[in-house]
Amino acid sequence: MNDRTTSLDPELLAILVCPVTRTPLRYDEAAGELVSDAAGLAFPIRNGVPVMLIEEARALS
């Protein structure tokens, strides 16, 4: 299964927040990531599970 084709449950997205700023996240379906615009970070989604570890986040350019 390709991580980028995995959809995210809208109810899960509604309750998840950025672990750094505690602000809402936006789902970037094309990249397969949850994006925190406030923190400038993108958190990966692996096998349908958001990885909300700061060490795993990618810095946005």
PDB file of N, CA and C in Angstrom:
ATOM      1  N   MET A   1       0.840  -1.183   0.000  1.00  0.00           N
ATOM      2  CA  MET A   1       0.000   0.000   0.000  1.00  0.00           C
ATOM      3  C   MET A   1       0.880   1.240   0.000  1.00  0.00           C
ATOM      4  N   ASN A   2       0.579   2.167  -0.838  1.00  0.00           N
ATOM      5  CA  ASN A   2       1.323   3.408  -0.939  1.00  0.00           C
ATOM      6  C   ASN A   2       0.760   4.406   0.064  1.00  0.00           C
ATOM      7  N   ASP A   3       1.614   4.985   0.898  1.00  0.00           N
ATOM      8  CA  ASP A   3       1.169   5.940   1.911  1.00  0.00           C
ATOM      9  C   ASP A   3       0.453   7.130   1.303  1.00  0.00           C
ATOM     10  N   ARG A   4       0.833   7.534   0.103  1.00  0.00           N
ATOM     11  CA  ARG A   4       0.271   8.737  -0.501  1.00  0.00           C
ATOM     12  C   ARG A   4      -1.161   8.530  -0.999  1.00  0.00           C
ATOM     13  N   THR A   5      -1.610   7.296  -1.100  1.00  0.00           N
ATOM     14  CA  THR A   5      -2.976   7.059  -1.548  1.00  0.00           C
ATOM     15  C   THR A   5      -3.915   6.785  -0.371  1.00  0.00           C
ATOM     16  N   THR A   6      -3.395   6.798   0.831  1.00  0.00           N
ATOM     17  CA  THR A   6      -4.195   6.548   2.014  1.00  0.00           C
ATOM     18  C   THR A   6      -4.953   7.806   2.389  1.00  0.00           C
ATOM     19  N   SER A   7      -6.277   7.687   2.545  1.00  0.00           N
ATOM     20  CA  SER A   7      -7.048   8.859   2.944  1.00  0.00           C
ATOM     21  C   SER A   7      -7.057   8.949   4.468  1.00  0.00           C
ATOM     22  N   LEU A   8      -7.401  10.116   4.956  1.00  0.00           N
ATOM     23  CA  LEU A   8      -7.425  10.361   6.389  1.00  0.00           C
ATOM     24  C   LEU A   8      -8.863  10.571   6.832  1.00  0.00           C
ATOM     25  N   ASP A   9      -9.231   9.947   7.928  1.00  0.00           N
ATOM     26  CA  ASP A   9     -10.572  10.067   8.476  1.00  0.00           C
ATOM     27  C   ASP A   9     -10.826  11.525   8.884  1.00  0.00           C
ATOM     28  N   PRO A  10     -11.869  12.154   8.347  1.00  0.00           N
ATOM     29  CA  PRO A  10     -12.162  13.557   8.678  1.00  0.00           C
ATOM     30  C   PRO A  10     -12.385  13.788  10.179  1.00  0.00           C
ATOM     31  N   GLU A  11     -12.936  12.801  10.876  1.00  0.00           N
ATOM     32  CA  GLU A  11     -13.146  12.943  12.322  1.00  0.00           C
ATOM     33  C   GLU A  11     -11.814  12.994  13.061  1.00  0.00           C
ATOM     34  N   LEU A  12     -10.840  12.212  12.594  1.00  0.00           N
ATOM     35  CA  LEU A  12      -9.512  12.239  13.188  1.00  0.00           C
ATOM     36  C   LEU A  12      -8.851  13.587  12.945  1.00  0.00           C
ATOM     37  N   LEU A  13      -8.955  14.080  11.733  1.00  0.00           N
ATOM     38  CA  LEU A  13      -8.378  15.385  11.395  1.00  0.00           C
ATOM     39  C   LEU A  13      -8.973  16.497  12.256  1.00  0.00           C
ATOM     40  N   ALA A  14     -10.239  16.386  12.563  1.00  0.00           N
ATOM     41  CA  ALA A  14     -10.924  17.414  13.350  1.00  0.00           C
ATOM     42  C   ALA A  14     -10.390  17.506  14.779  1.00  0.00           C
ATOM     43  N   ILE A  15      -9.832  16.414  15.318  1.00  0.00           N
ATOM     44  CA  ILE A  15      -9.363  16.449  16.709  1.00  0.00           C
ATOM     45  C   ILE A  15      -7.842  16.583  16.840  1.00  0.00           C
ATOM     46  N   LEU A  16      -7.113  16.354  15.758  1.00  0.00           N
ATOM     47  CA  LEU A  16      -5.657  16.472  15.825  1.00  0.00           C
ATOM     48  C   LEU A  16      -5.218  17.929  15.791  1.00  0.00           C
ATOM     49  N   VAL A  17      -4.192  18.238  16.562  1.00  0.00           N
ATOM     50  CA  VAL A  17      -3.598  19.569  16.555  1.00  0.00           C
ATOM     51  C   VAL A  17      -2.083  19.424  16.471  1.00  0.00           C
ATOM     52  N   CYS A  18      -1.425  20.489  16.090  1.00  0.00           N
ATOM     53  CA  CYS A  18       0.029  20.505  16.012  1.00  0.00           C
ATOM     54  C   CYS A  18       0.600  20.322  17.421  1.00  0.00           C
ATOM     55  N   PRO A  19       1.556  19.413  17.596  1.00  0.00           N
ATOM     56  CA  PRO A  19       2.144  19.222  18.925  1.00  0.00           C
ATOM     57  C   PRO A  19       3.022  20.387  19.376  1.00  0.00           C
ATOM     58  N   VAL A  20       3.382  21.263  18.468  1.00  0.00           N
ATOM     59  CA  VAL A  20       4.224  22.417  18.812  1.00  0.00           C
ATOM     60  C   VAL A  20       3.366  23.618  19.195  1.00  0.00           C
ATOM     61  N   THR A  21       2.404  23.955  18.343  1.00  0.00           N
ATOM     62  CA  THR A  21       1.623  25.190  18.522  1.00  0.00           C
ATOM     63  C   THR A  21       0.208  24.965  19.050  1.00  0.00           C
ATOM     64  N   ARG A  22      -0.240  23.710  19.045  1.00  0.00           N
ATOM     65  CA  ARG A  22      -1.622  23.358  19.450  1.00  0.00           C
ATOM     66  C   ARG A  22      -2.677  24.003  18.551  1.00  0.00           C
ATOM     67  N   THR A  23      -2.302  24.271  17.299  1.00  0.00           N
ATOM     68  CA  THR A  23      -3.238  24.836  16.325  1.00  0.00           C
ATOM     69  C   THR A  23      -3.716  23.730  15.386  1.00  0.00           C
ATOM     70  N   PRO A  24      -4.841  23.947  14.694  1.00  0.00           N
ATOM     71  CA  PRO A  24      -5.349  22.936  13.761  1.00  0.00           C
ATOM     72  C   PRO A  24      -4.356  22.630  12.639  1.00  0.00           C
ATOM     73  N   LEU A  25      -4.490  21.443  12.096  1.00  0.00           N
ATOM     74  CA  LEU A  25      -3.644  20.987  10.992  1.00  0.00           C
ATOM     75  C   LEU A  25      -4.457  20.948   9.718  1.00  0.00           C
ATOM     76  N   ARG A  26      -3.772  21.044   8.600  1.00  0.00           N
ATOM     77  CA  ARG A  26      -4.444  20.876   7.313  1.00  0.00           C
ATOM     78  C   ARG A  26      -3.864  19.635   6.655  1.00  0.00           C
ATOM     79  N   TYR A  27      -4.751  18.907   5.986  1.00  0.00           N
ATOM     80  CA  TYR A  27      -4.374  17.657   5.336  1.00  0.00           C
ATOM     81  C   TYR A  27      -3.948  17.929   3.902  1.00  0.00           C
ATOM     82  N   ASP A  28      -2.705  17.605   3.582  1.00  0.00           N
ATOM     83  CA  ASP A  28      -2.201  17.704   2.212  1.00  0.00           C
ATOM     84  C   ASP A  28      -2.239  16.296   1.637  1.00  0.00           C
ATOM     85  N   GLU A  29      -3.330  15.992   0.939  1.00  0.00           N
ATOM     86  CA  GLU A  29      -3.545  14.640   0.426  1.00  0.00           C
ATOM     87  C   GLU A  29      -2.478  14.244  -0.595  1.00  0.00           C
ATOM     88  N   ALA A  30      -2.073  15.172  -1.445  1.00  0.00           N
ATOM     89  CA  ALA A  30      -1.085  14.882  -2.484  1.00  0.00           C
ATOM     90  C   ALA A  30       0.258  14.472  -1.883  1.00  0.00           C
ATOM     91  N   ALA A  31       0.642  15.127  -0.790  1.00  0.00           N
ATOM     92  CA  ALA A  31       1.929  14.825  -0.149  1.00  0.00           C
ATOM     93  C   ALA A  31       1.804  13.744   0.919  1.00  0.00           C
ATOM     94  N   GLY A  32       0.571  13.437   1.333  1.00  0.00           N
ATOM     95  CA  GLY A  32       0.378  12.452   2.394  1.00  0.00           C
ATOM     96  C   GLY A  32       0.898  12.955   3.726  1.00  0.00           C
ATOM     97  N   GLU A  33       0.597  14.231   4.029  1.00  0.00           N
ATOM     98  CA  GLU A  33       1.104  14.854   5.248  1.00  0.00           C
ATOM     99  C   GLU A  33       0.027  15.708   5.916  1.00  0.00           C
ATOM    100  N   LEU A  34       0.207  15.903   7.208  1.00  0.00           N
ATOM    101  CA  LEU A  34      -0.570  16.881   7.950  1.00  0.00           C
ATOM    102  C   LEU A  34       0.332  18.092   8.131  1.00  0.00           C
ATOM    103  N   VAL A  35      -0.164  19.253   7.744  1.00  0.00           N
ATOM    104  CA  VAL A  35       0.656  20.455   7.726  1.00  0.00           C
ATOM    105  C   VAL A  35       0.227  21.417   8.827  1.00  0.00           C
ATOM    106  N   SER A  36       1.227  21.882   9.563  1.00  0.00           N
ATOM    107  CA  SER A  36       1.020  22.940  10.544  1.00  0.00           C
ATOM    108  C   SER A  36       1.622  24.209   9.949  1.00  0.00           C
ATOM    109  N   ASP A  37       0.764  25.074   9.435  1.00  0.00           N
ATOM    110  CA  ASP A  37       1.243  26.329   8.862  1.00  0.00           C
ATOM    111  C   ASP A  37       1.849  27.212   9.953  1.00  0.00           C
ATOM    112  N   ALA A  38       1.296  27.152  11.163  1.00  0.00           N
ATOM    113  CA  ALA A  38       1.784  27.979  12.265  1.00  0.00           C
ATOM    114  C   ALA A  38       3.211  27.606  12.666  1.00  0.00           C
ATOM    115  N   ALA A  39       3.519  26.320  12.661  1.00  0.00           N
ATOM    116  CA  ALA A  39       4.858  25.861  13.060  1.00  0.00           C
ATOM    117  C   ALA A  39       5.799  25.702  11.872  1.00  0.00           C
ATOM    118  N   GLY A  40       5.245  25.699  10.657  1.00  0.00           N
ATOM    119  CA  GLY A  40       6.081  25.493   9.484  1.00  0.00           C
ATOM    120  C   GLY A  40       6.585  24.073   9.371  1.00  0.00           C
ATOM    121  N   LEU A  41       5.744  23.114   9.799  1.00  0.00           N
ATOM    122  CA  LEU A  41       6.118  21.704   9.786  1.00  0.00           C
ATOM    123  C   LEU A  41       5.070  20.860   9.073  1.00  0.00           C
ATOM    124  N   ALA A  42       5.521  19.753   8.502  1.00  0.00           N
ATOM    125  CA  ALA A  42       4.618  18.782   7.889  1.00  0.00           C
ATOM    126  C   ALA A  42       4.880  17.428   8.536  1.00  0.00           C
ATOM    127  N   PHE A  43       3.822  16.817   9.047  1.00  0.00           N
ATOM    128  CA  PHE A  43       3.918  15.536   9.732  1.00  0.00           C
ATOM    129  C   PHE A  43       3.469  14.425   8.781  1.00  0.00           C
ATOM    130  N   PRO A  44       4.263  13.355   8.675  1.00  0.00           N
ATOM    131  CA  PRO A  44       3.924  12.284   7.739  1.00  0.00           C
ATOM    132  C   PRO A  44       2.737  11.452   8.210  1.00  0.00           C
ATOM    133  N   ILE A  45       2.092  10.816   7.238  1.00  0.00           N
ATOM    134  CA  ILE A  45       1.048   9.839   7.530  1.00  0.00           C
ATOM    135  C   ILE A  45       1.558   8.520   6.967  1.00  0.00           C
ATOM    136  N   ARG A  46       1.737   7.536   7.831  1.00  0.00           N
ATOM    137  CA  ARG A  46       2.264   6.239   7.415  1.00  0.00           C
ATOM    138  C   ARG A  46       1.213   5.161   7.644  1.00  0.00           C
ATOM    139  N   ASN A  47       0.861   4.474   6.568  1.00  0.00           N
ATOM    140  CA  ASN A  47      -0.158   3.413   6.635  1.00  0.00           C
ATOM    141  C   ASN A  47      -1.444   3.904   7.295  1.00  0.00           C
ATOM    142  N   GLY A  48      -1.812   5.145   6.982  1.00  0.00           N
ATOM    143  CA  GLY A  48      -3.051   5.706   7.500  1.00  0.00           C
ATOM    144  C   GLY A  48      -2.952   6.270   8.907  1.00  0.00           C
ATOM    145  N   VAL A  49      -1.750   6.232   9.510  1.00  0.00           N
ATOM    146  CA  VAL A  49      -1.565   6.696  10.881  1.00  0.00           C
ATOM    147  C   VAL A  49      -0.700   7.964  10.888  1.00  0.00           C
ATOM    148  N   PRO A  50      -1.236   9.076  11.395  1.00  0.00           N
ATOM    149  CA  PRO A  50      -0.429  10.293  11.483  1.00  0.00           C
ATOM    150  C   PRO A  50       0.710  10.104  12.485  1.00  0.00           C
ATOM    151  N   VAL A  51       1.902  10.492  12.084  1.00  0.00           N
ATOM    152  CA  VAL A  51       3.075  10.426  12.964  1.00  0.00           C
ATOM    153  C   VAL A  51       3.301  11.837  13.487  1.00  0.00           C
ATOM    154  N   MET A  52       2.890  12.079  14.723  1.00  0.00           N
ATOM    155  CA  MET A  52       2.888  13.427  15.281  1.00  0.00           C
ATOM    156  C   MET A  52       4.119  13.712  16.137  1.00  0.00           C
ATOM    157  N   LEU A  53       5.219  13.079  15.817  1.00  0.00           N
ATOM    158  CA  LEU A  53       6.474  13.307  16.522  1.00  0.00           C
ATOM    159  C   LEU A  53       7.232  14.448  15.855  1.00  0.00           C
ATOM    160  N   ILE A  54       7.698  15.390  16.640  1.00  0.00           N
ATOM    161  CA  ILE A  54       8.411  16.532  16.088  1.00  0.00           C
ATOM    162  C   ILE A  54       9.654  16.085  15.343  1.00  0.00           C
ATOM    163  N   GLU A  55      10.316  15.026  15.843  1.00  0.00           N
ATOM    164  CA  GLU A  55      11.530  14.518  15.189  1.00  0.00           C
ATOM    165  C   GLU A  55      11.253  13.963  13.790  1.00  0.00           C
ATOM    166  N   GLU A  56      10.022  13.557  13.543  1.00  0.00           N
ATOM    167  CA  GLU A  56       9.647  12.978  12.254  1.00  0.00           C
ATOM    168  C   GLU A  56       9.112  14.020  11.269  1.00  0.00           C
ATOM    169  N   ALA A  57       8.875  15.225  11.761  1.00  0.00           N
ATOM    170  CA  ALA A  57       8.287  16.277  10.917  1.00  0.00           C
ATOM    171  C   ALA A  57       9.316  16.813   9.921  1.00  0.00           C
ATOM    172  N   ARG A  58       8.785  17.284   8.804  1.00  0.00           N
ATOM    173  CA  ARG A  58       9.603  17.913   7.770  1.00  0.00           C
ATOM    174  C   ARG A  58       9.366  19.423   7.838  1.00  0.00           C
ATOM    175  N   ALA A  59      10.452  20.176   7.815  1.00  0.00           N
ATOM    176  CA  ALA A  59      10.331  21.639   7.821  1.00  0.00           C
ATOM    177  C   ALA A  59       9.839  22.108   6.467  1.00  0.00           C
ATOM    178  N   LEU A  60       8.879  23.017   6.479  1.00  0.00           N
ATOM    179  CA  LEU A  60       8.379  23.603   5.228  1.00  0.00           C
ATOM    180  C   LEU A  60       9.338  24.683   4.787  1.00  0.00           C
ATOM    181  N   SER A  61       9.524  24.780   3.481  1.00  0.00           N
ATOM    182  CA  SER A  61      10.462  25.788   2.973  1.00  0.00           C
ATOM    183  C   SER A  61       9.791  27.127   2.776  1.00  0.00           C
TER     184      SER A  61
END
